[in-house]
N, C-alpha and C. Protein backbone atom coordinates (compact mmCIF):
# COMPACT_ATOMS: atom_id res chain seq x y z
N MET A 1 99.53 132.49 50.40
CA MET A 1 99.36 132.01 49.05
C MET A 1 98.67 130.65 49.11
N LYS A 2 97.72 130.49 48.23
CA LYS A 2 97.01 129.22 48.15
C LYS A 2 96.87 128.83 46.69
N ALA A 3 96.67 127.55 46.45
CA ALA A 3 96.48 127.04 45.10
C ALA A 3 95.67 125.75 45.17
N THR A 4 95.08 125.40 44.05
CA THR A 4 94.30 124.17 43.93
C THR A 4 94.75 123.45 42.67
N VAL A 5 94.90 122.15 42.76
CA VAL A 5 95.23 121.33 41.59
C VAL A 5 94.09 120.35 41.39
N ASN A 6 93.51 120.37 40.19
CA ASN A 6 92.38 119.51 39.87
C ASN A 6 92.73 118.55 38.75
N TRP A 7 92.39 117.29 38.97
CA TRP A 7 92.59 116.24 37.98
C TRP A 7 91.58 116.45 36.86
N GLN A 8 92.06 116.40 35.60
CA GLN A 8 91.19 116.56 34.44
C GLN A 8 90.81 115.20 33.85
N SER A 9 91.84 114.45 33.45
CA SER A 9 91.66 113.11 32.90
C SER A 9 93.04 112.51 32.71
N GLY A 10 93.10 111.20 32.58
CA GLY A 10 94.40 110.55 32.41
C GLY A 10 95.35 111.00 33.50
N MET A 11 96.46 111.60 33.12
CA MET A 11 97.42 112.15 34.08
C MET A 11 97.53 113.67 33.93
N LYS A 12 96.47 114.29 33.41
CA LYS A 12 96.44 115.73 33.19
C LYS A 12 95.77 116.43 34.37
N PHE A 13 96.45 117.50 34.84
CA PHE A 13 95.97 118.28 35.97
C PHE A 13 96.03 119.76 35.62
N VAL A 14 95.14 120.55 36.21
CA VAL A 14 95.20 122.00 36.08
C VAL A 14 95.37 122.59 37.47
N GLY A 15 96.43 123.39 37.61
CA GLY A 15 96.66 124.09 38.86
C GLY A 15 96.17 125.52 38.73
N GLU A 16 95.50 126.01 39.77
CA GLU A 16 95.02 127.40 39.76
C GLU A 16 95.43 128.07 41.07
N THR A 17 96.05 129.23 40.95
CA THR A 17 96.46 129.98 42.12
C THR A 17 95.29 130.77 42.68
N ASP A 18 95.45 131.26 43.90
CA ASP A 18 94.38 132.05 44.49
C ASP A 18 94.19 133.40 43.79
N SER A 19 95.15 133.76 42.92
CA SER A 19 94.99 134.99 42.13
C SER A 19 94.35 134.71 40.77
N GLY A 20 93.98 133.43 40.54
CA GLY A 20 93.27 133.08 39.31
C GLY A 20 94.15 132.66 38.14
N LYS A 21 95.44 132.53 38.34
CA LYS A 21 96.35 132.09 37.27
C LYS A 21 96.33 130.57 37.19
N CYS A 22 96.37 130.05 35.94
CA CYS A 22 96.30 128.60 35.74
C CYS A 22 97.52 128.07 35.01
N ILE A 23 97.87 126.83 35.31
CA ILE A 23 98.93 126.12 34.59
C ILE A 23 98.47 124.67 34.43
N GLU A 24 98.65 124.17 33.21
CA GLU A 24 98.31 122.77 32.94
C GLU A 24 99.57 121.94 33.06
N MET A 25 99.43 120.78 33.68
CA MET A 25 100.56 119.84 33.83
C MET A 25 100.06 118.45 33.48
N ASP A 26 100.99 117.63 33.01
CA ASP A 26 100.60 116.29 32.56
C ASP A 26 101.74 115.32 32.81
N GLY A 27 101.44 114.20 33.42
CA GLY A 27 102.43 113.16 33.66
C GLY A 27 102.67 112.29 32.46
N GLU A 28 101.96 112.53 31.34
CA GLU A 28 102.12 111.71 30.15
C GLU A 28 102.72 112.47 28.97
N GLY A 29 103.08 113.74 29.17
CA GLY A 29 103.83 114.45 28.14
C GLY A 29 103.09 115.43 27.26
N SER A 30 101.79 115.60 27.39
CA SER A 30 101.11 116.57 26.53
C SER A 30 101.25 118.00 27.05
N GLN A 31 101.60 118.15 28.30
CA GLN A 31 101.85 119.45 28.93
C GLN A 31 103.16 119.31 29.71
N ALA A 32 103.60 120.40 30.31
CA ALA A 32 104.78 120.34 31.16
C ALA A 32 104.52 119.40 32.33
N SER A 33 105.54 118.63 32.70
CA SER A 33 105.41 117.77 33.88
C SER A 33 105.61 118.65 35.12
N PRO A 34 105.20 118.18 36.29
CA PRO A 34 105.45 118.96 37.50
C PRO A 34 106.93 119.29 37.71
N MET A 35 107.83 118.37 37.39
CA MET A 35 109.26 118.64 37.55
C MET A 35 109.74 119.68 36.55
N GLU A 36 109.20 119.64 35.33
CA GLU A 36 109.54 120.68 34.36
C GLU A 36 109.04 122.04 34.85
N ALA A 37 107.87 122.05 35.48
CA ALA A 37 107.33 123.31 36.02
C ALA A 37 108.24 123.87 37.12
N VAL A 38 108.79 122.99 37.95
CA VAL A 38 109.73 123.43 38.99
C VAL A 38 110.98 124.02 38.35
N LEU A 39 111.51 123.35 37.32
CA LEU A 39 112.70 123.84 36.64
C LEU A 39 112.43 125.20 35.99
N LEU A 40 111.29 125.33 35.34
CA LEU A 40 110.92 126.61 34.74
C LEU A 40 110.77 127.69 35.81
N ALA A 41 110.26 127.32 36.97
CA ALA A 41 110.12 128.28 38.07
C ALA A 41 111.48 128.78 38.54
N VAL A 42 112.48 127.90 38.56
CA VAL A 42 113.84 128.32 38.92
C VAL A 42 114.32 129.39 37.95
N GLY A 43 114.17 129.14 36.67
CA GLY A 43 114.64 130.08 35.66
C GLY A 43 113.87 131.38 35.66
N ALA A 44 112.56 131.31 35.80
CA ALA A 44 111.73 132.52 35.79
C ALA A 44 112.00 133.38 37.02
N CYS A 45 112.04 132.76 38.18
CA CYS A 45 112.27 133.49 39.43
C CYS A 45 113.62 134.19 39.39
N SER A 46 114.64 133.48 39.00
CA SER A 46 115.97 134.04 38.97
C SER A 46 116.10 135.11 37.89
N SER A 47 115.51 134.89 36.73
CA SER A 47 115.57 135.88 35.66
C SER A 47 114.89 137.19 36.05
N ILE A 48 113.80 137.10 36.77
CA ILE A 48 113.13 138.30 37.27
C ILE A 48 114.10 139.10 38.12
N ASP A 49 114.81 138.41 39.00
CA ASP A 49 115.80 139.09 39.85
C ASP A 49 116.89 139.75 39.02
N VAL A 50 117.46 139.00 38.08
CA VAL A 50 118.57 139.51 37.28
C VAL A 50 118.14 140.76 36.52
N VAL A 51 116.99 140.71 35.87
CA VAL A 51 116.50 141.87 35.12
C VAL A 51 116.26 143.05 36.05
N GLU A 52 115.60 142.80 37.17
CA GLU A 52 115.29 143.88 38.11
C GLU A 52 116.57 144.51 38.67
N ILE A 53 117.54 143.70 39.05
CA ILE A 53 118.79 144.22 39.60
C ILE A 53 119.54 145.04 38.56
N LEU A 54 119.59 144.54 37.32
CA LEU A 54 120.30 145.28 36.28
C LEU A 54 119.59 146.60 35.95
N LYS A 55 118.28 146.60 35.94
CA LYS A 55 117.55 147.85 35.70
C LYS A 55 117.81 148.85 36.81
N LYS A 56 117.81 148.38 38.06
CA LYS A 56 118.09 149.27 39.19
C LYS A 56 119.52 149.81 39.14
N SER A 57 120.42 149.05 38.51
CA SER A 57 121.81 149.49 38.36
C SER A 57 121.99 150.38 37.13
N ARG A 58 120.88 150.73 36.52
CA ARG A 58 120.85 151.58 35.32
C ARG A 58 121.62 150.98 34.14
N GLN A 59 121.54 149.66 34.03
CA GLN A 59 122.14 148.97 32.89
C GLN A 59 121.10 148.91 31.77
N ALA A 60 121.54 149.12 30.54
CA ALA A 60 120.64 149.15 29.38
C ALA A 60 120.36 147.74 28.89
N ILE A 61 119.69 146.94 29.71
CA ILE A 61 119.38 145.54 29.37
C ILE A 61 118.23 145.49 28.37
N THR A 62 118.39 144.66 27.34
CA THR A 62 117.34 144.50 26.34
C THR A 62 116.84 143.05 26.26
N GLY A 63 117.56 142.12 26.87
CA GLY A 63 117.13 140.73 26.82
C GLY A 63 117.80 139.90 27.91
N CYS A 64 117.09 138.87 28.33
CA CYS A 64 117.64 137.94 29.32
C CYS A 64 117.01 136.57 29.07
N GLU A 65 117.87 135.62 28.73
CA GLU A 65 117.43 134.25 28.53
C GLU A 65 118.13 133.38 29.56
N CYS A 66 117.39 132.54 30.24
CA CYS A 66 117.99 131.63 31.21
C CYS A 66 117.89 130.21 30.65
N GLN A 67 119.04 129.63 30.36
CA GLN A 67 119.12 128.28 29.83
C GLN A 67 119.42 127.34 30.99
N LEU A 68 118.54 126.40 31.21
CA LEU A 68 118.64 125.52 32.37
C LEU A 68 119.01 124.10 31.96
N ASP A 69 119.90 123.51 32.74
CA ASP A 69 120.31 122.12 32.52
C ASP A 69 120.23 121.43 33.87
N ALA A 70 119.37 120.43 33.99
CA ALA A 70 119.16 119.77 35.28
C ALA A 70 119.45 118.28 35.19
N GLN A 71 119.94 117.75 36.29
CA GLN A 71 120.17 116.32 36.43
C GLN A 71 119.23 115.81 37.52
N ARG A 72 118.70 114.61 37.32
CA ARG A 72 117.80 114.01 38.30
C ARG A 72 118.37 112.69 38.80
N ALA A 73 117.97 112.32 39.99
CA ALA A 73 118.37 111.04 40.56
C ALA A 73 117.85 109.91 39.68
N ASP A 74 118.60 108.82 39.61
CA ASP A 74 118.20 107.68 38.79
C ASP A 74 117.05 106.89 39.41
N GLU A 75 116.99 106.88 40.72
CA GLU A 75 115.98 106.09 41.43
C GLU A 75 114.91 107.01 42.03
N ALA A 76 113.73 106.45 42.24
CA ALA A 76 112.64 107.20 42.87
C ALA A 76 112.97 107.50 44.32
N PRO A 77 112.66 108.64 44.82
CA PRO A 77 112.04 109.75 44.08
C PRO A 77 113.09 110.43 43.20
N ARG A 78 112.74 110.73 41.96
CA ARG A 78 113.70 111.26 40.98
C ARG A 78 113.84 112.77 41.14
N VAL A 79 114.37 113.17 42.28
CA VAL A 79 114.56 114.59 42.60
C VAL A 79 115.69 115.18 41.76
N PHE A 80 115.71 116.49 41.66
CA PHE A 80 116.84 117.15 41.03
C PHE A 80 118.05 116.99 41.93
N THR A 81 119.18 116.68 41.33
CA THR A 81 120.44 116.61 42.07
C THR A 81 121.33 117.80 41.73
N GLU A 82 121.22 118.28 40.49
CA GLU A 82 122.00 119.43 40.03
C GLU A 82 121.18 120.26 39.07
N ILE A 83 121.34 121.57 39.16
CA ILE A 83 120.76 122.49 38.18
C ILE A 83 121.82 123.53 37.84
N HIS A 84 122.03 123.72 36.55
CA HIS A 84 122.91 124.80 36.10
C HIS A 84 122.06 125.81 35.34
N ALA A 85 122.15 127.06 35.74
CA ALA A 85 121.44 128.15 35.08
C ALA A 85 122.45 129.03 34.36
N HIS A 86 122.32 129.12 33.05
CA HIS A 86 123.20 129.98 32.25
C HIS A 86 122.35 131.12 31.69
N TYR A 87 122.77 132.33 32.00
CA TYR A 87 122.04 133.53 31.59
C TYR A 87 122.72 134.13 30.37
N VAL A 88 121.94 134.39 29.35
CA VAL A 88 122.42 135.11 28.18
C VAL A 88 121.74 136.48 28.26
N VAL A 89 122.55 137.48 28.61
CA VAL A 89 122.02 138.82 28.85
C VAL A 89 122.48 139.72 27.71
N SER A 90 121.54 140.49 27.17
CA SER A 90 121.90 141.39 26.09
C SER A 90 121.51 142.82 26.44
N GLY A 91 122.23 143.74 25.82
CA GLY A 91 121.98 145.15 26.04
C GLY A 91 123.13 145.99 25.54
N GLU A 92 123.02 147.27 25.76
CA GLU A 92 124.06 148.20 25.31
C GLU A 92 125.06 148.48 26.42
N ASN A 93 126.32 148.22 26.14
CA ASN A 93 127.42 148.51 27.07
C ASN A 93 127.18 147.95 28.47
N LEU A 94 126.71 146.71 28.54
CA LEU A 94 126.48 146.10 29.85
C LEU A 94 127.80 145.87 30.56
N SER A 95 127.82 146.17 31.83
CA SER A 95 129.00 145.96 32.65
C SER A 95 129.05 144.50 33.10
N GLU A 96 130.17 143.84 32.81
CA GLU A 96 130.34 142.44 33.23
C GLU A 96 130.21 142.33 34.75
N LYS A 97 130.76 143.31 35.45
CA LYS A 97 130.70 143.33 36.90
C LYS A 97 129.24 143.39 37.40
N HIS A 98 128.43 144.21 36.75
CA HIS A 98 127.03 144.33 37.15
C HIS A 98 126.25 143.04 36.86
N VAL A 99 126.50 142.44 35.71
CA VAL A 99 125.79 141.20 35.36
C VAL A 99 126.20 140.09 36.31
N GLN A 100 127.48 139.96 36.58
CA GLN A 100 127.97 138.93 37.50
C GLN A 100 127.32 139.11 38.88
N ARG A 101 127.27 140.34 39.34
CA ARG A 101 126.69 140.63 40.65
C ARG A 101 125.18 140.33 40.68
N ALA A 102 124.48 140.66 39.60
CA ALA A 102 123.05 140.39 39.52
C ALA A 102 122.76 138.89 39.60
N VAL A 103 123.54 138.10 38.85
CA VAL A 103 123.37 136.64 38.86
C VAL A 103 123.69 136.09 40.25
N GLN A 104 124.76 136.57 40.83
CA GLN A 104 125.17 136.10 42.16
C GLN A 104 124.12 136.47 43.22
N LEU A 105 123.65 137.70 43.20
CA LEU A 105 122.63 138.11 44.19
C LEU A 105 121.36 137.30 44.05
N SER A 106 120.96 137.02 42.82
CA SER A 106 119.76 136.22 42.61
C SER A 106 119.94 134.83 43.23
N ALA A 107 121.05 134.17 42.88
CA ALA A 107 121.27 132.80 43.34
C ALA A 107 121.49 132.70 44.84
N GLU A 108 122.12 133.70 45.44
CA GLU A 108 122.50 133.60 46.85
C GLU A 108 121.58 134.33 47.82
N LYS A 109 120.76 135.27 47.31
CA LYS A 109 119.99 136.10 48.24
C LYS A 109 118.51 136.26 47.90
N TYR A 110 118.16 136.37 46.61
CA TYR A 110 116.81 136.78 46.26
C TYR A 110 115.90 135.72 45.65
N CYS A 111 116.42 134.80 44.88
CA CYS A 111 115.55 133.83 44.19
C CYS A 111 115.00 132.81 45.18
N SER A 112 113.75 132.99 45.54
CA SER A 112 113.14 132.12 46.55
C SER A 112 113.06 130.67 46.08
N VAL A 113 112.92 130.44 44.79
CA VAL A 113 112.84 129.06 44.30
C VAL A 113 114.21 128.39 44.42
N MET A 114 115.27 129.08 44.00
CA MET A 114 116.61 128.51 44.16
C MET A 114 116.94 128.28 45.63
N LEU A 115 116.62 129.27 46.45
CA LEU A 115 116.95 129.17 47.88
C LEU A 115 116.16 128.05 48.56
N MET A 116 114.96 127.79 48.08
CA MET A 116 114.14 126.71 48.63
C MET A 116 114.80 125.35 48.36
N LEU A 117 115.54 125.25 47.26
CA LEU A 117 116.21 124.00 46.89
C LEU A 117 117.60 123.88 47.49
N GLU A 118 118.09 124.97 48.09
CA GLU A 118 119.44 125.02 48.65
C GLU A 118 119.66 123.89 49.66
N GLY A 119 120.81 123.26 49.58
CA GLY A 119 121.13 122.18 50.50
C GLY A 119 120.67 120.82 50.00
N LYS A 120 119.78 120.81 49.02
CA LYS A 120 119.30 119.55 48.46
C LYS A 120 119.72 119.38 47.00
N VAL A 121 119.88 120.50 46.31
CA VAL A 121 120.23 120.49 44.89
C VAL A 121 121.48 121.36 44.70
N LYS A 122 122.46 120.83 43.99
CA LYS A 122 123.65 121.64 43.68
C LYS A 122 123.27 122.58 42.53
N ILE A 123 123.27 123.89 42.83
CA ILE A 123 122.90 124.88 41.83
C ILE A 123 124.12 125.71 41.47
N THR A 124 124.41 125.76 40.17
CA THR A 124 125.51 126.57 39.67
C THR A 124 124.98 127.53 38.63
N THR A 125 125.74 128.61 38.40
CA THR A 125 125.32 129.62 37.43
C THR A 125 126.50 130.06 36.58
N SER A 126 126.18 130.62 35.43
CA SER A 126 127.15 131.24 34.55
C SER A 126 126.40 132.24 33.69
N PHE A 127 127.14 133.07 32.96
CA PHE A 127 126.46 134.03 32.10
C PHE A 127 127.35 134.41 30.93
N THR A 128 126.72 134.89 29.88
CA THR A 128 127.40 135.53 28.77
C THR A 128 126.65 136.82 28.48
N ILE A 129 127.39 137.78 27.95
CA ILE A 129 126.80 139.06 27.59
C ILE A 129 126.85 139.20 26.07
N GLN A 130 125.71 139.57 25.51
CA GLN A 130 125.64 139.82 24.07
C GLN A 130 125.24 141.27 23.85
N PRO A 131 125.75 141.87 22.78
CA PRO A 131 125.37 143.27 22.51
C PRO A 131 123.90 143.39 22.09
């Protein structure tokens, strides 16, 4: 995997992956900051796992929202110290056991973004099921 980040102006940058996908980032607030992009990557990566695992378990999932709450160090470098991911999963007759297992497997085995942060960031998870 390769990517390029190009400075546009001010503190605005555009990142482009080798597959041609682009993301704009800005250190002044007009776009997502790089740290916000990392936080979003945690939620997206893990949510992909949760949805995929539940579908493979033949659960009738209709929605998955990952609500993220992160804490950062007060001093530079202002790294993440804690991230909590709360999943709001909806569907018909979802099994609590299956949802719990999907969230756990994502956090402990499959989410490469979460696992990359392991040992440096305290990551916790929770979930609720909605019909």
